[in-house]
Amino acid sequence: MPSILTLKQQIVDIGRRMYQRGMVAANDGNISARVDESRILITPTGISKGFMQPSDLVTIDLDGRVLEKGKTPTSELDLHLAVYRERPEINSVCHAHPPYGTAHAVV
């Protein structure tokens, strides 16, 4: 697995690409990545994916406990945790709101 610093930068880069391509707007969407068998990095609540910094990311355990004081993970935390629990081979999750996918979902 990549180092935690590498994972943080990768999440930030993916967030910027999602924002630039219109897959998320404002504070929409969220991203997470498995650090190791017991920790996950996840995007925080209330921050645009287009302007995130590596220091904004939140480290949590598989029970959803925040391992760094003063940080709040995305409200979609339970979705990410469910994926990691049910599919241990999965190492990252991206939740976006692409316009065509959203339009299709409401039809």
PDB file of N, CA and C in Angstrom:
ATOM      1  N   MET A   1       0.838  -1.184   0.000  1.00  0.00           N
ATOM      2  CA  MET A   1       0.000   0.000   0.000  1.00  0.00           C
ATOM      3  C   MET A   1       0.883   1.249   0.000  1.00  0.00           C
ATOM      4  N   PRO A   2       0.400   2.302  -0.642  1.00  0.00           N
ATOM      5  CA  PRO A   2       1.152   3.564  -0.630  1.00  0.00           C
ATOM      6  C   PRO A   2       1.211   4.162   0.780  1.00  0.00           C
ATOM      7  N   SER A   3       2.137   5.072   0.990  1.00  0.00           N
ATOM      8  CA  SER A   3       2.231   5.752   2.284  1.00  0.00           C
ATOM      9  C   SER A   3       1.002   6.631   2.501  1.00  0.00           C
ATOM     10  N   ILE A   4       0.769   7.004   3.746  1.00  0.00           N
ATOM     11  CA  ILE A   4      -0.385   7.853   4.061  1.00  0.00           C
ATOM     12  C   ILE A   4      -0.259   9.216   3.371  1.00  0.00           C
ATOM     13  N   LEU A   5       0.954   9.739   3.245  1.00  0.00           N
ATOM     14  CA  LEU A   5       1.149  11.023   2.555  1.00  0.00           C
ATOM     15  C   LEU A   5       0.805  10.908   1.074  1.00  0.00           C
ATOM     16  N   THR A   6       1.199   9.804   0.458  1.00  0.00           N
ATOM     17  CA  THR A   6       0.866   9.571  -0.951  1.00  0.00           C
ATOM     18  C   THR A   6      -0.637   9.441  -1.128  1.00  0.00           C
ATOM     19  N   LEU A   7      -1.287   8.685  -0.247  1.00  0.00           N
ATOM     20  CA  LEU A   7      -2.745   8.532  -0.320  1.00  0.00           C
ATOM     21  C   LEU A   7      -3.454   9.874  -0.169  1.00  0.00           C
ATOM     22  N   LYS A   8      -3.001  10.689   0.764  1.00  0.00           N
ATOM     23  CA  LYS A   8      -3.619  12.007   0.950  1.00  0.00           C
ATOM     24  C   LYS A   8      -3.525  12.833  -0.326  1.00  0.00           C
ATOM     25  N   GLN A   9      -2.354  12.845  -0.942  1.00  0.00           N
ATOM     26  CA  GLN A   9      -2.188  13.624  -2.169  1.00  0.00           C
ATOM     27  C   GLN A   9      -3.042  13.056  -3.297  1.00  0.00           C
ATOM     28  N   GLN A  10      -3.142  11.740  -3.388  1.00  0.00           N
ATOM     29  CA  GLN A  10      -3.977  11.128  -4.423  1.00  0.00           C
ATOM     30  C   GLN A  10      -5.449  11.492  -4.239  1.00  0.00           C
ATOM     31  N   ILE A  11      -5.934  11.477  -3.008  1.00  0.00           N
ATOM     32  CA  ILE A  11      -7.327  11.846  -2.746  1.00  0.00           C
ATOM     33  C   ILE A  11      -7.568  13.302  -3.131  1.00  0.00           C
ATOM     34  N   VAL A  12      -6.654  14.180  -2.758  1.00  0.00           N
ATOM     35  CA  VAL A  12      -6.776  15.602  -3.109  1.00  0.00           C
ATOM     36  C   VAL A  12      -6.792  15.769  -4.630  1.00  0.00           C
ATOM     37  N   ASP A  13      -5.907  15.076  -5.329  1.00  0.00           N
ATOM     38  CA  ASP A  13      -5.853  15.165  -6.795  1.00  0.00           C
ATOM     39  C   ASP A  13      -7.147  14.666  -7.429  1.00  0.00           C
ATOM     40  N   ILE A  14      -7.674  13.564  -6.950  1.00  0.00           N
ATOM     41  CA  ILE A  14      -8.932  13.029  -7.482  1.00  0.00           C
ATOM     42  C   ILE A  14     -10.071  14.000  -7.204  1.00  0.00           C
ATOM     43  N   GLY A  15     -10.096  14.574  -6.009  1.00  0.00           N
ATOM     44  CA  GLY A  15     -11.126  15.563  -5.679  1.00  0.00           C
ATOM     45  C   GLY A  15     -11.098  16.753  -6.620  1.00  0.00           C
ATOM     46  N   ARG A  16      -9.906  17.228  -6.935  1.00  0.00           N
ATOM     47  CA  ARG A  16      -9.779  18.358  -7.874  1.00  0.00           C
ATOM     48  C   ARG A  16     -10.277  17.978  -9.264  1.00  0.00           C
ATOM     49  N   ARG A  17      -9.916  16.784  -9.708  1.00  0.00           N
ATOM     50  CA  ARG A  17     -10.381  16.340 -11.032  1.00  0.00           C
ATOM     51  C   ARG A  17     -11.894  16.197 -11.059  1.00  0.00           C
ATOM     52  N   MET A  18     -12.469  15.642 -10.007  1.00  0.00           N
ATOM     53  CA  MET A  18     -13.929  15.506  -9.939  1.00  0.00           C
ATOM     54  C   MET A  18     -14.590  16.882 -10.014  1.00  0.00           C
ATOM     55  N   TYR A  19     -14.030  17.841  -9.295  1.00  0.00           N
ATOM     56  CA  TYR A  19     -14.571  19.202  -9.277  1.00  0.00           C
ATOM     57  C   TYR A  19     -14.422  19.864 -10.652  1.00  0.00           C
ATOM     58  N   GLN A  20     -13.238  19.772 -11.231  1.00  0.00           N
ATOM     59  CA  GLN A  20     -12.975  20.407 -12.527  1.00  0.00           C
ATOM     60  C   GLN A  20     -13.830  19.824 -13.647  1.00  0.00           C
ATOM     61  N   ARG A  21     -14.178  18.557 -13.540  1.00  0.00           N
ATOM     62  CA  ARG A  21     -14.981  17.899 -14.581  1.00  0.00           C
ATOM     63  C   ARG A  21     -16.480  17.962 -14.306  1.00  0.00           C
ATOM     64  N   GLY A  22     -16.863  18.690 -13.269  1.00  0.00           N
ATOM     65  CA  GLY A  22     -18.275  18.877 -12.974  1.00  0.00           C
ATOM     66  C   GLY A  22     -18.966  17.674 -12.359  1.00  0.00           C
ATOM     67  N   MET A  23     -18.196  16.751 -11.791  1.00  0.00           N
ATOM     68  CA  MET A  23     -18.794  15.581 -11.148  1.00  0.00           C
ATOM     69  C   MET A  23     -19.260  15.880  -9.733  1.00  0.00           C
ATOM     70  N   VAL A  24     -18.761  16.966  -9.175  1.00  0.00           N
ATOM     71  CA  VAL A  24     -19.203  17.447  -7.867  1.00  0.00           C
ATOM     72  C   VAL A  24     -19.239  18.970  -7.924  1.00  0.00           C
ATOM     73  N   ALA A  25     -20.115  19.555  -7.148  1.00  0.00           N
ATOM     74  CA  ALA A  25     -20.205  21.015  -7.048  1.00  0.00           C
ATOM     75  C   ALA A  25     -20.175  21.383  -5.573  1.00  0.00           C
ATOM     76  N   ALA A  26     -19.648  22.537  -5.293  1.00  0.00           N
ATOM     77  CA  ALA A  26     -19.591  23.020  -3.904  1.00  0.00           C
ATOM     78  C   ALA A  26     -19.011  21.925  -3.009  1.00  0.00           C
ATOM     79  N   ASN A  27     -19.784  21.491  -2.002  1.00  0.00           N
ATOM     80  CA  ASN A  27     -19.288  20.499  -1.045  1.00  0.00           C
ATOM     81  C   ASN A  27     -19.779  19.086  -1.338  1.00  0.00           C
ATOM     82  N   ASP A  28     -20.333  18.859  -2.542  1.00  0.00           N
ATOM     83  CA  ASP A  28     -20.856  17.539  -2.912  1.00  0.00           C
ATOM     84  C   ASP A  28     -19.760  16.482  -2.931  1.00  0.00           C
ATOM     85  N   GLY A  29     -20.199  15.243  -2.847  1.00  0.00           N
ATOM     86  CA  GLY A  29     -19.333  14.088  -3.050  1.00  0.00           C
ATOM     87  C   GLY A  29     -18.361  13.855  -1.914  1.00  0.00           C
ATOM     88  N   ASN A  30     -17.716  12.696  -1.965  1.00  0.00           N
ATOM     89  CA  ASN A  30     -16.734  12.334  -0.957  1.00  0.00           C
ATOM     90  C   ASN A  30     -15.853  11.213  -1.481  1.00  0.00           C
ATOM     91  N   ILE A  31     -14.682  11.094  -0.883  1.00  0.00           N
ATOM     92  CA  ILE A  31     -13.670  10.133  -1.324  1.00  0.00           C
ATOM     93  C   ILE A  31     -13.034   9.530  -0.080  1.00  0.00           C
ATOM     94  N   SER A  32     -12.712   8.246  -0.165  1.00  0.00           N
ATOM     95  CA  SER A  32     -11.962   7.619   0.922  1.00  0.00           C
ATOM     96  C   SER A  32     -10.976   6.613   0.347  1.00  0.00           C
ATOM     97  N   ALA A  33      -9.981   6.259   1.153  1.00  0.00           N
ATOM     98  CA  ALA A  33      -8.993   5.251   0.761  1.00  0.00           C
ATOM     99  C   ALA A  33      -8.526   4.511   2.003  1.00  0.00           C
ATOM    100  N   ARG A  34      -8.324   3.229   1.830  1.00  0.00           N
ATOM    101  CA  ARG A  34      -7.834   2.389   2.923  1.00  0.00           C
ATOM    102  C   ARG A  34      -6.341   2.666   3.121  1.00  0.00           C
ATOM    103  N   VAL A  35      -5.962   2.982   4.351  1.00  0.00           N
ATOM    104  CA  VAL A  35      -4.551   3.204   4.692  1.00  0.00           C
ATOM    105  C   VAL A  35      -3.895   1.862   4.985  1.00  0.00           C
ATOM    106  N   ASP A  36      -4.567   1.057   5.798  1.00  0.00           N
ATOM    107  CA  ASP A  36      -4.114  -0.283   6.157  1.00  0.00           C
ATOM    108  C   ASP A  36      -5.335  -1.065   6.619  1.00  0.00           C
ATOM    109  N   GLU A  37      -5.138  -2.191   7.267  1.00  0.00           N
ATOM    110  CA  GLU A  37      -6.279  -3.032   7.649  1.00  0.00           C
ATOM    111  C   GLU A  37      -7.175  -2.410   8.718  1.00  0.00           C
ATOM    112  N   SER A  38      -6.732  -1.336   9.358  1.00  0.00           N
ATOM    113  CA  SER A  38      -7.540  -0.765  10.439  1.00  0.00           C
ATOM    114  C   SER A  38      -7.852   0.726  10.297  1.00  0.00           C
ATOM    115  N   ARG A  39      -7.289   1.398   9.285  1.00  0.00           N
ATOM    116  CA  ARG A  39      -7.507   2.844   9.147  1.00  0.00           C
ATOM    117  C   ARG A  39      -7.920   3.225   7.730  1.00  0.00           C
ATOM    118  N   ILE A  40      -8.720   4.302   7.666  1.00  0.00           N
ATOM    119  CA  ILE A  40      -9.201   4.838   6.398  1.00  0.00           C
ATOM    120  C   ILE A  40      -8.992   6.345   6.414  1.00  0.00           C
ATOM    121  N   LEU A  41      -8.615   6.892   5.279  1.00  0.00           N
ATOM    122  CA  LEU A  41      -8.608   8.345   5.072  1.00  0.00           C
ATOM    123  C   LEU A  41      -9.907   8.699   4.374  1.00  0.00           C
ATOM    124  N   ILE A  42     -10.557   9.778   4.795  1.00  0.00           N
ATOM    125  CA  ILE A  42     -11.819  10.175   4.189  1.00  0.00           C
ATOM    126  C   ILE A  42     -11.897  11.698   4.121  1.00  0.00           C
ATOM    127  N   THR A  43     -12.636  12.183   3.146  1.00  0.00           N
ATOM    128  CA  THR A  43     -12.786  13.628   3.002  1.00  0.00           C
ATOM    129  C   THR A  43     -13.634  14.189   4.143  1.00  0.00           C
ATOM    130  N   PRO A  44     -13.382  15.437   4.502  1.00  0.00           N
ATOM    131  CA  PRO A  44     -14.137  16.063   5.590  1.00  0.00           C
ATOM    132  C   PRO A  44     -15.477  16.601   5.102  1.00  0.00           C
ATOM    133  N   THR A  45     -16.314  16.922   6.038  1.00  0.00           N
ATOM    134  CA  THR A  45     -17.572  17.583   5.715  1.00  0.00           C
ATOM    135  C   THR A  45     -17.307  19.065   5.468  1.00  0.00           C
ATOM    136  N   GLY A  46     -18.098  19.654   4.588  1.00  0.00           N
ATOM    137  CA  GLY A  46     -18.078  21.101   4.419  1.00  0.00           C
ATOM    138  C   GLY A  46     -16.923  21.701   3.648  1.00  0.00           C
ATOM    139  N   ILE A  47     -16.179  20.900   2.893  1.00  0.00           N
ATOM    140  CA  ILE A  47     -15.065  21.440   2.115  1.00  0.00           C
ATOM    141  C   ILE A  47     -15.234  21.023   0.659  1.00  0.00           C
ATOM    142  N   SER A  48     -15.093  21.984  -0.247  1.00  0.00           N
ATOM    143  CA  SER A  48     -15.165  21.697  -1.678  1.00  0.00           C
ATOM    144  C   SER A  48     -14.030  20.763  -2.073  1.00  0.00           C
ATOM    145  N   LYS A  49     -14.352  19.755  -2.859  1.00  0.00           N
ATOM    146  CA  LYS A  49     -13.326  18.821  -3.322  1.00  0.00           C
ATOM    147  C   LYS A  49     -12.321  19.508  -4.250  1.00  0.00           C
ATOM    148  N   GLY A  50     -12.707  20.625  -4.833  1.00  0.00           N
ATOM    149  CA  GLY A  50     -11.800  21.356  -5.709  1.00  0.00           C
ATOM    150  C   GLY A  50     -10.746  22.155  -4.975  1.00  0.00           C
ATOM    151  N   PHE A  51     -10.914  22.326  -3.672  1.00  0.00           N
ATOM    152  CA  PHE A  51     -10.002  23.179  -2.911  1.00  0.00           C
ATOM    153  C   PHE A  51      -9.446  22.494  -1.667  1.00  0.00           C
ATOM    154  N   MET A  52      -9.578  21.187  -1.581  1.00  0.00           N
ATOM    155  CA  MET A  52      -9.065  20.437  -0.436  1.00  0.00           C
ATOM    156  C   MET A  52      -7.546  20.454  -0.403  1.00  0.00           C
ATOM    157  N   GLN A  53      -7.020  20.329   0.795  1.00  0.00           N
ATOM    158  CA  GLN A  53      -5.589  20.174   1.021  1.00  0.00           C
ATOM    159  C   GLN A  53      -5.369  18.836   1.730  1.00  0.00           C
ATOM    160  N   PRO A  54      -4.204  18.219   1.584  1.00  0.00           N
ATOM    161  CA  PRO A  54      -3.955  16.950   2.276  1.00  0.00           C
ATOM    162  C   PRO A  54      -4.223  17.025   3.783  1.00  0.00           C
ATOM    163  N   SER A  55      -3.947  18.161   4.382  1.00  0.00           N
ATOM    164  CA  SER A  55      -4.149  18.311   5.832  1.00  0.00           C
ATOM    165  C   SER A  55      -5.626  18.332   6.227  1.00  0.00           C
ATOM    166  N   ASP A  56      -6.533  18.511   5.261  1.00  0.00           N
ATOM    167  CA  ASP A  56      -7.971  18.516   5.547  1.00  0.00           C
ATOM    168  C   ASP A  56      -8.535  17.114   5.761  1.00  0.00           C
ATOM    169  N   LEU A  57      -7.864  16.092   5.247  1.00  0.00           N
ATOM    170  CA  LEU A  57      -8.408  14.741   5.291  1.00  0.00           C
ATOM    171  C   LEU A  57      -8.465  14.209   6.717  1.00  0.00           C
ATOM    172  N   VAL A  58      -9.410  13.315   6.940  1.00  0.00           N
ATOM    173  CA  VAL A  58      -9.682  12.782   8.275  1.00  0.00           C
ATOM    174  C   VAL A  58      -9.294  11.307   8.304  1.00  0.00           C
ATOM    175  N   THR A  59      -8.555  10.906   9.328  1.00  0.00           N
ATOM    176  CA  THR A  59      -8.224   9.496   9.513  1.00  0.00           C
ATOM    177  C   THR A  59      -9.215   8.903  10.503  1.00  0.00           C
ATOM    178  N   ILE A  60      -9.820   7.778  10.108  1.00  0.00           N
ATOM    179  CA  ILE A  60     -10.796   7.097  10.964  1.00  0.00           C
ATOM    180  C   ILE A  60     -10.433   5.622  11.057  1.00  0.00           C
ATOM    181  N   ASP A  61     -11.034   4.942  12.030  1.00  0.00           N
ATOM    182  CA  ASP A  61     -10.883   3.493  12.076  1.00  0.00           C
ATOM    183  C   ASP A  61     -12.111   2.849  11.427  1.00  0.00           C
ATOM    184  N   LEU A  62     -12.137   1.537  11.344  1.00  0.00           N
ATOM    185  CA  LEU A  62     -13.228   0.840  10.660  1.00  0.00           C
ATOM    186  C   LEU A  62     -14.547   0.878  11.424  1.00  0.00           C
ATOM    187  N   ASP A  63     -14.523   1.404  12.638  1.00  0.00           N
ATOM    188  CA  ASP A  63     -15.761   1.613  13.390  1.00  0.00           C
ATOM    189  C   ASP A  63     -16.254   3.049  13.252  1.00  0.00           C
ATOM    190  N   GLY A  64     -15.535   3.858  12.473  1.00  0.00           N
ATOM    191  CA  GLY A  64     -15.947   5.235  12.236  1.00  0.00           C
ATOM    192  C   GLY A  64     -15.440   6.231  13.253  1.00  0.00           C
ATOM    193  N   ARG A  65     -14.587   5.788  14.166  1.00  0.00           N
ATOM    194  CA  ARG A  65     -14.040   6.706  15.169  1.00  0.00           C
ATOM    195  C   ARG A  65     -12.964   7.585  14.534  1.00  0.00           C
ATOM    196  N   VAL A  66     -13.080   8.872  14.769  1.00  0.00           N
ATOM    197  CA  VAL A  66     -12.098   9.833  14.261  1.00  0.00           C
ATOM    198  C   VAL A  66     -10.828   9.701  15.086  1.00  0.00           C
ATOM    199  N   LEU A  67      -9.696   9.568  14.405  1.00  0.00           N
ATOM    200  CA  LEU A  67      -8.423   9.369  15.085  1.00  0.00           C
ATOM    201  C   LEU A  67      -7.614  10.650  15.225  1.00  0.00           C
ATOM    202  N   GLU A  68      -8.199  11.787  14.783  1.00  0.00           N
ATOM    203  CA  GLU A  68      -7.540  13.089  14.894  1.00  0.00           C
ATOM    204  C   GLU A  68      -8.545  14.083  15.456  1.00  0.00           C
ATOM    205  N   LYS A  69      -8.198  14.741  16.525  1.00  0.00           N
ATOM    206  CA  LYS A  69      -9.118  15.713  17.124  1.00  0.00           C
ATOM    207  C   LYS A  69      -9.351  16.891  16.194  1.00  0.00           C
ATOM    208  N   GLY A  70     -10.567  17.436  16.269  1.00  0.00           N
ATOM    209  CA  GLY A  70     -10.887  18.652  15.544  1.00  0.00           C
ATOM    210  C   GLY A  70     -11.282  18.471  14.094  1.00  0.00           C
ATOM    211  N   LYS A  71     -11.434  17.235  13.639  1.00  0.00           N
ATOM    212  CA  LYS A  71     -11.818  16.996  12.248  1.00  0.00           C
ATOM    213  C   LYS A  71     -13.132  16.226  12.210  1.00  0.00           C
ATOM    214  N   THR A  72     -13.965  16.549  11.220  1.00  0.00           N
ATOM    215  CA  THR A  72     -15.261  15.888  11.075  1.00  0.00           C
ATOM    216  C   THR A  72     -15.338  15.250   9.694  1.00  0.00           C
ATOM    217  N   PRO A  73     -15.533  13.928   9.640  1.00  0.00           N
ATOM    218  CA  PRO A  73     -15.628  13.266   8.337  1.00  0.00           C
ATOM    219  C   PRO A  73     -16.953  13.562   7.642  1.00  0.00           C
ATOM    220  N   THR A  74     -17.003  13.267   6.358  1.00  0.00           N
ATOM    221  CA  THR A  74     -18.208  13.426   5.571  1.00  0.00           C
ATOM    222  C   THR A  74     -19.415  12.759   6.232  1.00  0.00           C
ATOM    223  N   SER A  75     -20.576  13.303   5.966  1.00  0.00           N
ATOM    224  CA  SER A  75     -21.811  12.709   6.496  1.00  0.00           C
ATOM    225  C   SER A  75     -22.112  11.366   5.836  1.00  0.00           C
ATOM    226  N   GLU A  76     -21.421  11.050   4.755  1.00  0.00           N
ATOM    227  CA  GLU A  76     -21.599   9.771   4.057  1.00  0.00           C
ATOM    228  C   GLU A  76     -20.646   8.696   4.586  1.00  0.00           C
ATOM    229  N   LEU A  77     -20.104   8.919   5.758  1.00  0.00           N
ATOM    230  CA  LEU A  77     -19.158   7.990   6.369  1.00  0.00           C
ATOM    231  C   LEU A  77     -19.684   6.563   6.398  1.00  0.00           C
ATOM    232  N   ASP A  78     -20.944   6.371   6.782  1.00  0.00           N
ATOM    233  CA  ASP A  78     -21.490   5.016   6.904  1.00  0.00           C
ATOM    234  C   ASP A  78     -21.487   4.265   5.579  1.00  0.00           C
ATOM    235  N   LEU A  79     -21.715   4.967   4.480  1.00  0.00           N
ATOM    236  CA  LEU A  79     -21.660   4.349   3.150  1.00  0.00           C
ATOM    237  C   LEU A  79     -20.266   3.785   2.888  1.00  0.00           C
ATOM    238  N   HIS A  80     -19.254   4.571   3.155  1.00  0.00           N
ATOM    239  CA  HIS A  80     -17.879   4.137   2.927  1.00  0.00           C
ATOM    240  C   HIS A  80     -17.523   2.956   3.828  1.00  0.00           C
ATOM    241  N   LEU A  81     -17.881   3.049   5.105  1.00  0.00           N
ATOM    242  CA  LEU A  81     -17.572   1.964   6.035  1.00  0.00           C
ATOM    243  C   LEU A  81     -18.236   0.666   5.618  1.00  0.00           C
ATOM    244  N   ALA A  82     -19.474   0.740   5.143  1.00  0.00           N
ATOM    245  CA  ALA A  82     -20.189  -0.464   4.698  1.00  0.00           C
ATOM    246  C   ALA A  82     -19.456  -1.126   3.535  1.00  0.00           C
ATOM    247  N   VAL A  83     -18.963  -0.327   2.603  1.00  0.00           N
ATOM    248  CA  VAL A  83     -18.220  -0.885   1.466  1.00  0.00           C
ATOM    249  C   VAL A  83     -16.972  -1.608   1.962  1.00  0.00           C
ATOM    250  N   TYR A  84     -16.207  -0.974   2.835  1.00  0.00           N
ATOM    251  CA  TYR A  84     -14.971  -1.591   3.325  1.00  0.00           C
ATOM    252  C   TYR A  84     -15.238  -2.847   4.153  1.00  0.00           C
ATOM    253  N   ARG A  85     -16.309  -2.856   4.913  1.00  0.00           N
ATOM    254  CA  ARG A  85     -16.637  -4.043   5.717  1.00  0.00           C
ATOM    255  C   ARG A  85     -17.088  -5.209   4.845  1.00  0.00           C
ATOM    256  N   GLU A  86     -17.943  -4.919   3.882  1.00  0.00           N
ATOM    257  CA  GLU A  86     -18.510  -5.975   3.035  1.00  0.00           C
ATOM    258  C   GLU A  86     -17.551  -6.461   1.956  1.00  0.00           C
ATOM    259  N   ARG A  87     -16.644  -5.607   1.543  1.00  0.00           N
ATOM    260  CA  ARG A  87     -15.730  -5.945   0.444  1.00  0.00           C
ATOM    261  C   ARG A  87     -14.293  -5.611   0.849  1.00  0.00           C
ATOM    262  N   PRO A  88     -13.647  -6.478   1.621  1.00  0.00           N
ATOM    263  CA  PRO A  88     -12.301  -6.183   2.122  1.00  0.00           C
ATOM    264  C   PRO A  88     -11.249  -5.969   1.033  1.00  0.00           C
ATOM    265  N   GLU A  89     -11.534  -6.412  -0.188  1.00  0.00           N
ATOM    266  CA  GLU A  89     -10.572  -6.217  -1.276  1.00  0.00           C
ATOM    267  C   GLU A  89     -10.630  -4.803  -1.858  1.00  0.00           C
ATOM    268  N   ILE A  90     -11.663  -4.041  -1.505  1.00  0.00           N
ATOM    269  CA  ILE A  90     -11.814  -2.669  -1.992  1.00  0.00           C
ATOM    270  C   ILE A  90     -10.875  -1.755  -1.204  1.00  0.00           C
ATOM    271  N   ASN A  91     -10.139  -0.903  -1.916  1.00  0.00           N
ATOM    272  CA  ASN A  91      -9.184  -0.010  -1.261  1.00  0.00           C
ATOM    273  C   ASN A  91      -9.530   1.463  -1.362  1.00  0.00           C
ATOM    274  N   SER A  92     -10.558   1.817  -2.137  1.00  0.00           N
ATOM    275  CA  SER A  92     -10.969   3.219  -2.204  1.00  0.00           C
ATOM    276  C   SER A  92     -12.413   3.321  -2.680  1.00  0.00           C
ATOM    277  N   VAL A  93     -13.046   4.445  -2.315  1.00  0.00           N
ATOM    278  CA  VAL A  93     -14.439   4.703  -2.687  1.00  0.00           C
ATOM    279  C   VAL A  93     -14.550   6.168  -3.105  1.00  0.00           C
ATOM    280  N   CYS A  94     -15.217   6.413  -4.232  1.00  0.00           N
ATOM    281  CA  CYS A  94     -15.536   7.771  -4.683  1.00  0.00           C
ATOM    282  C   CYS A  94     -17.042   7.872  -4.835  1.00  0.00           C
ATOM    283  N   HIS A  95     -17.625   8.874  -4.233  1.00  0.00           N
ATOM    284  CA  HIS A  95     -19.060   9.137  -4.348  1.00  0.00           C
ATOM    285  C   HIS A  95     -19.194  10.507  -4.996  1.00  0.00           C
ATOM    286  N   ALA A  96     -19.713  10.526  -6.222  1.00  0.00           N
ATOM    287  CA  ALA A  96     -19.828  11.774  -6.978  1.00  0.00           C
ATOM    288  C   ALA A  96     -21.280  12.014  -7.383  1.00  0.00           C
ATOM    289  N   HIS A  97     -21.518  13.152  -7.980  1.00  0.00           N
ATOM    290  CA  HIS A  97     -22.849  13.535  -8.449  1.00  0.00           C
ATOM    291  C   HIS A  97     -22.757  14.022  -9.891  1.00  0.00           C
ATOM    292  N   PRO A  98     -22.301  13.177 -10.828  1.00  0.00           N
ATOM    293  CA  PRO A  98     -22.190  13.641 -12.210  1.00  0.00           C
ATOM    294  C   PRO A  98     -23.564  14.002 -12.770  1.00  0.00           C
ATOM    295  N   PRO A  99     -23.655  15.082 -13.539  1.00  0.00           N
ATOM    296  CA  PRO A  99     -24.964  15.556 -14.011  1.00  0.00           C
ATOM    297  C   PRO A  99     -25.786  14.508 -14.749  1.00  0.00           C
ATOM    298  N   TYR A 100     -25.173  13.755 -15.664  1.00  0.00           N
ATOM    299  CA  TYR A 100     -25.957  12.778 -16.423  1.00  0.00           C
ATOM    300  C   TYR A 100     -26.415  11.624 -15.535  1.00  0.00           C
ATOM    301  N   GLY A 101     -25.575  11.202 -14.623  1.00  0.00           N
ATOM    302  CA  GLY A 101     -25.969  10.144 -13.695  1.00  0.00           C
ATOM    303  C   GLY A 101     -27.091  10.596 -12.778  1.00  0.00           C
ATOM    304  N   THR A 102     -27.002  11.816 -12.303  1.00  0.00           N
ATOM    305  CA  THR A 102     -28.045  12.366 -11.438  1.00  0.00           C
ATOM    306  C   THR A 102     -29.347  12.516 -12.208  1.00  0.00           C
ATOM    307  N   ALA A 103     -29.270  12.999 -13.441  1.00  0.00           N
ATOM    308  CA  ALA A 103     -30.477  13.144 -14.261  1.00  0.00           C
ATOM    309  C   ALA A 103     -31.122  11.790 -14.513  1.00  0.00           C
ATOM    310  N   HIS A 104     -30.313  10.793 -14.801  1.00  0.00           N
ATOM    311  CA  HIS A 104     -30.844   9.447 -15.047  1.00  0.00           C
ATOM    312  C   HIS A 104     -31.517   8.892 -13.786  1.00  0.00           C
ATOM    313  N   ALA A 105     -30.959   9.174 -12.645  1.00  0.00           N
ATOM    314  CA  ALA A 105     -31.499   8.655 -11.386  1.00  0.00           C
ATOM    315  C   ALA A 105     -32.871   9.228 -11.054  1.00  0.00           C
ATOM    316  N   VAL A 106     -33.165  10.425 -11.516  1.00  0.00           N
ATOM    317  CA  VAL A 106     -34.453  11.039 -11.180  1.00  0.00           C
ATOM    318  C   VAL A 106     -35.537  10.756 -12.213  1.00  0.00           C
ATOM    319  N   VAL A 107     -35.178  10.105 -13.306  1.00  0.00           N
ATOM    320  CA  VAL A 107     -36.171   9.793 -14.348  1.00  0.00           C
ATOM    321  C   VAL A 107     -36.941   8.550 -13.986  1.00  0.00           C
TER     322      VAL A 107
END
